[in-house]
């Protein structure tokens, strides 16, 4: 985890649309999740907009109250690389893939 001394902020809005209540006959709910993100301007980064889409899978644990465990995978596009991602790429470049049109 990277400590952010510059207090970068973002605002996001996501929507989860149910696709299926089962996954290969297992009680795992699948959701399609599109979203938009606005990364605010700070001392170290420009104003940026991001669009993301993901598929999420949830397993509801059968308790008297609702408890879900979930995971997701997806892809996003951002207009400018954020400060945290830039610093993170310098430290650990194996975990993220960036595509740049040439």
C-alpha atoms as a PDB file:
ATOM      1  CA  UNK A   1       0.000   0.000   0.000  1.00  0.00           C
ATOM      2  CA  UNK A   2       1.230   3.465  -0.879  1.00  0.00           C
ATOM      3  CA  UNK A   3       0.776   6.358   1.530  1.00  0.00           C
ATOM      4  CA  UNK A   4      -0.682   9.428  -0.205  1.00  0.00           C
ATOM      5  CA  UNK A   5       0.765  12.606   1.310  1.00  0.00           C
ATOM      6  CA  UNK A   6      -1.023  14.766  -1.283  1.00  0.00           C
ATOM      7  CA  UNK A   7      -4.563  13.717  -0.289  1.00  0.00           C
ATOM      8  CA  UNK A   8      -5.703  12.891  -3.827  1.00  0.00           C
ATOM      9  CA  UNK A   9      -9.468  12.502  -4.108  1.00  0.00           C
ATOM     10  CA  UNK A  10     -11.876  10.807  -6.494  1.00  0.00           C
ATOM     11  CA  UNK A  11     -15.609  10.485  -6.969  1.00  0.00           C
ATOM     12  CA  UNK A  12     -17.172   7.407  -8.556  1.00  0.00           C
ATOM     13  CA  UNK A  13     -20.571   6.064  -9.559  1.00  0.00           C
ATOM     14  CA  UNK A  14     -21.126   2.368 -10.339  1.00  0.00           C
ATOM     15  CA  UNK A  15     -24.192   0.305 -11.123  1.00  0.00           C
ATOM     16  CA  UNK A  16     -24.570  -3.463 -10.677  1.00  0.00           C
ATOM     17  CA  UNK A  17     -26.897  -5.239 -13.093  1.00  0.00           C
ATOM     18  CA  UNK A  18     -27.720  -8.872 -12.164  1.00  0.00           C
ATOM     19  CA  UNK A  19     -26.818 -11.341 -14.922  1.00  0.00           C
ATOM     20  CA  UNK A  20     -27.373 -14.703 -13.226  1.00  0.00           C
ATOM     21  CA  UNK A  21     -28.260 -16.175  -9.816  1.00  0.00           C
ATOM     22  CA  UNK A  22     -26.105 -19.241 -10.407  1.00  0.00           C
ATOM     23  CA  UNK A  23     -22.685 -19.952 -11.852  1.00  0.00           C
ATOM     24  CA  UNK A  24     -22.221 -23.510 -13.178  1.00  0.00           C
ATOM     25  CA  UNK A  25     -25.134 -24.547 -10.922  1.00  0.00           C
ATOM     26  CA  UNK A  26     -23.379 -23.096  -7.830  1.00  0.00           C
ATOM     27  CA  UNK A  27     -25.202 -20.475  -5.711  1.00  0.00           C
ATOM     28  CA  UNK A  28     -22.968 -17.646  -6.954  1.00  0.00           C
ATOM     29  CA  UNK A  29     -24.610 -14.456  -8.246  1.00  0.00           C
ATOM     30  CA  UNK A  30     -23.039 -12.755 -11.276  1.00  0.00           C
ATOM     31  CA  UNK A  31     -23.318  -8.997 -11.914  1.00  0.00           C
ATOM     32  CA  UNK A  32     -22.249  -6.736 -14.786  1.00  0.00           C
ATOM     33  CA  UNK A  33     -20.897  -3.515 -13.253  1.00  0.00           C
ATOM     34  CA  UNK A  34     -20.200  -0.414 -15.375  1.00  0.00           C
ATOM     35  CA  UNK A  35     -19.011   2.795 -13.750  1.00  0.00           C
ATOM     36  CA  UNK A  36     -17.456   6.220 -14.145  1.00  0.00           C
ATOM     37  CA  UNK A  37     -14.772   7.833 -11.969  1.00  0.00           C
ATOM     38  CA  UNK A  38     -13.585  11.430 -11.653  1.00  0.00           C
ATOM     39  CA  UNK A  39     -10.085  11.873 -10.218  1.00  0.00           C
ATOM     40  CA  UNK A  40      -9.780  15.432  -8.866  1.00  0.00           C
ATOM     41  CA  UNK A  41      -6.872  17.756  -9.598  1.00  0.00           C
ATOM     42  CA  UNK A  42      -4.163  17.957  -6.923  1.00  0.00           C
ATOM     43  CA  UNK A  43      -0.565  19.131  -6.574  1.00  0.00           C
ATOM     44  CA  UNK A  44       0.706  15.957  -8.265  1.00  0.00           C
ATOM     45  CA  UNK A  45      -1.980  14.942 -10.775  1.00  0.00           C
ATOM     46  CA  UNK A  46      -4.251  16.388 -13.432  1.00  0.00           C
ATOM     47  CA  UNK A  47      -8.020  16.215 -13.536  1.00  0.00           C
ATOM     48  CA  UNK A  48      -8.847  12.761 -15.008  1.00  0.00           C
ATOM     49  CA  UNK A  49     -11.898  10.799 -16.074  1.00  0.00           C
ATOM     50  CA  UNK A  50     -12.117   7.010 -15.995  1.00  0.00           C
ATOM     51  CA  UNK A  51     -14.611   4.515 -17.413  1.00  0.00           C
ATOM     52  CA  UNK A  52     -14.666   0.985 -16.017  1.00  0.00           C
ATOM     53  CA  UNK A  53     -16.579  -2.249 -16.626  1.00  0.00           C
ATOM     54  CA  UNK A  54     -16.372  -5.376 -14.501  1.00  0.00           C
ATOM     55  CA  UNK A  55     -17.963  -8.741 -13.849  1.00  0.00           C
ATOM     56  CA  UNK A  56     -18.574  -9.439 -10.165  1.00  0.00           C
ATOM     57  CA  UNK A  57     -19.316 -12.750  -8.483  1.00  0.00           C
ATOM     58  CA  UNK A  58     -20.924 -12.983  -5.028  1.00  0.00           C
ATOM     59  CA  UNK A  59     -21.559 -15.907  -2.705  1.00  0.00           C
ATOM     60  CA  UNK A  60     -24.188 -15.243  -0.034  1.00  0.00           C
ATOM     61  CA  UNK A  61     -23.332 -16.975   3.239  1.00  0.00           C
ATOM     62  CA  UNK A  62     -26.481 -18.555   4.736  1.00  0.00           C
ATOM     63  CA  UNK A  63     -26.624 -16.574   8.008  1.00  0.00           C
ATOM     64  CA  UNK A  64     -29.738 -14.990   9.553  1.00  0.00           C
ATOM     65  CA  UNK A  65     -28.353 -11.657   8.278  1.00  0.00           C
ATOM     66  CA  UNK A  66     -27.033 -10.990   4.754  1.00  0.00           C
ATOM     67  CA  UNK A  67     -23.289 -11.577   4.367  1.00  0.00           C
ATOM     68  CA  UNK A  68     -21.714 -11.820   0.906  1.00  0.00           C
ATOM     69  CA  UNK A  69     -18.211 -12.643  -0.244  1.00  0.00           C
ATOM     70  CA  UNK A  70     -17.268 -11.394  -3.668  1.00  0.00           C
ATOM     71  CA  UNK A  71     -14.613 -10.940  -6.298  1.00  0.00           C
ATOM     72  CA  UNK A  72     -14.443  -9.105  -9.594  1.00  0.00           C
ATOM     73  CA  UNK A  73     -12.411  -8.638 -12.724  1.00  0.00           C
ATOM     74  CA  UNK A  74     -12.622  -5.897 -15.287  1.00  0.00           C
ATOM     75  CA  UNK A  75     -11.021  -3.277 -17.463  1.00  0.00           C
ATOM     76  CA  UNK A  76     -10.874   0.509 -17.396  1.00  0.00           C
ATOM     77  CA  UNK A  77      -9.736   3.476 -19.454  1.00  0.00           C
ATOM     78  CA  UNK A  78      -8.433   6.704 -17.894  1.00  0.00           C
ATOM     79  CA  UNK A  79      -7.526   9.996 -19.574  1.00  0.00           C
ATOM     80  CA  UNK A  80      -4.396  10.619 -17.435  1.00  0.00           C
ATOM     81  CA  UNK A  81      -2.463   8.232 -15.206  1.00  0.00           C
ATOM     82  CA  UNK A  82      -3.090   9.077 -11.551  1.00  0.00           C
ATOM     83  CA  UNK A  83      -0.276   9.825  -9.109  1.00  0.00           C
ATOM     84  CA  UNK A  84      -0.814   6.635  -7.075  1.00  0.00           C
ATOM     85  CA  UNK A  85      -0.811   4.399 -10.164  1.00  0.00           C
ATOM     86  CA  UNK A  86       2.303   6.130 -11.470  1.00  0.00           C
ATOM     87  CA  UNK A  87       4.166   5.592  -8.178  1.00  0.00           C
ATOM     88  CA  UNK A  88       2.826   2.043  -7.935  1.00  0.00           C
ATOM     89  CA  UNK A  89       4.028   1.240 -11.470  1.00  0.00           C
ATOM     90  CA  UNK A  90       7.523   2.379 -10.494  1.00  0.00           C
ATOM     91  CA  UNK A  91       7.498  -0.067  -7.566  1.00  0.00           C
ATOM     92  CA  UNK A  92       5.598  -3.087  -8.916  1.00  0.00           C
ATOM     93  CA  UNK A  93       5.096  -3.055 -12.684  1.00  0.00           C
ATOM     94  CA  UNK A  94       4.099  -6.721 -12.979  1.00  0.00           C
ATOM     95  CA  UNK A  95       0.529  -6.324 -11.699  1.00  0.00           C
ATOM     96  CA  UNK A  96      -0.898  -3.792 -14.134  1.00  0.00           C
ATOM     97  CA  UNK A  97      -1.020  -3.566 -17.900  1.00  0.00           C
ATOM     98  CA  UNK A  98      -1.307  -0.218 -19.646  1.00  0.00           C
ATOM     99  CA  UNK A  99      -2.168   0.042 -23.338  1.00  0.00           C
ATOM    100  CA  UNK A 100      -1.168   3.134 -25.241  1.00  0.00           C
ATOM    101  CA  UNK A 101      -2.347   3.857 -28.784  1.00  0.00           C
ATOM    102  CA  UNK A 102       0.548   4.546 -31.169  1.00  0.00           C
END
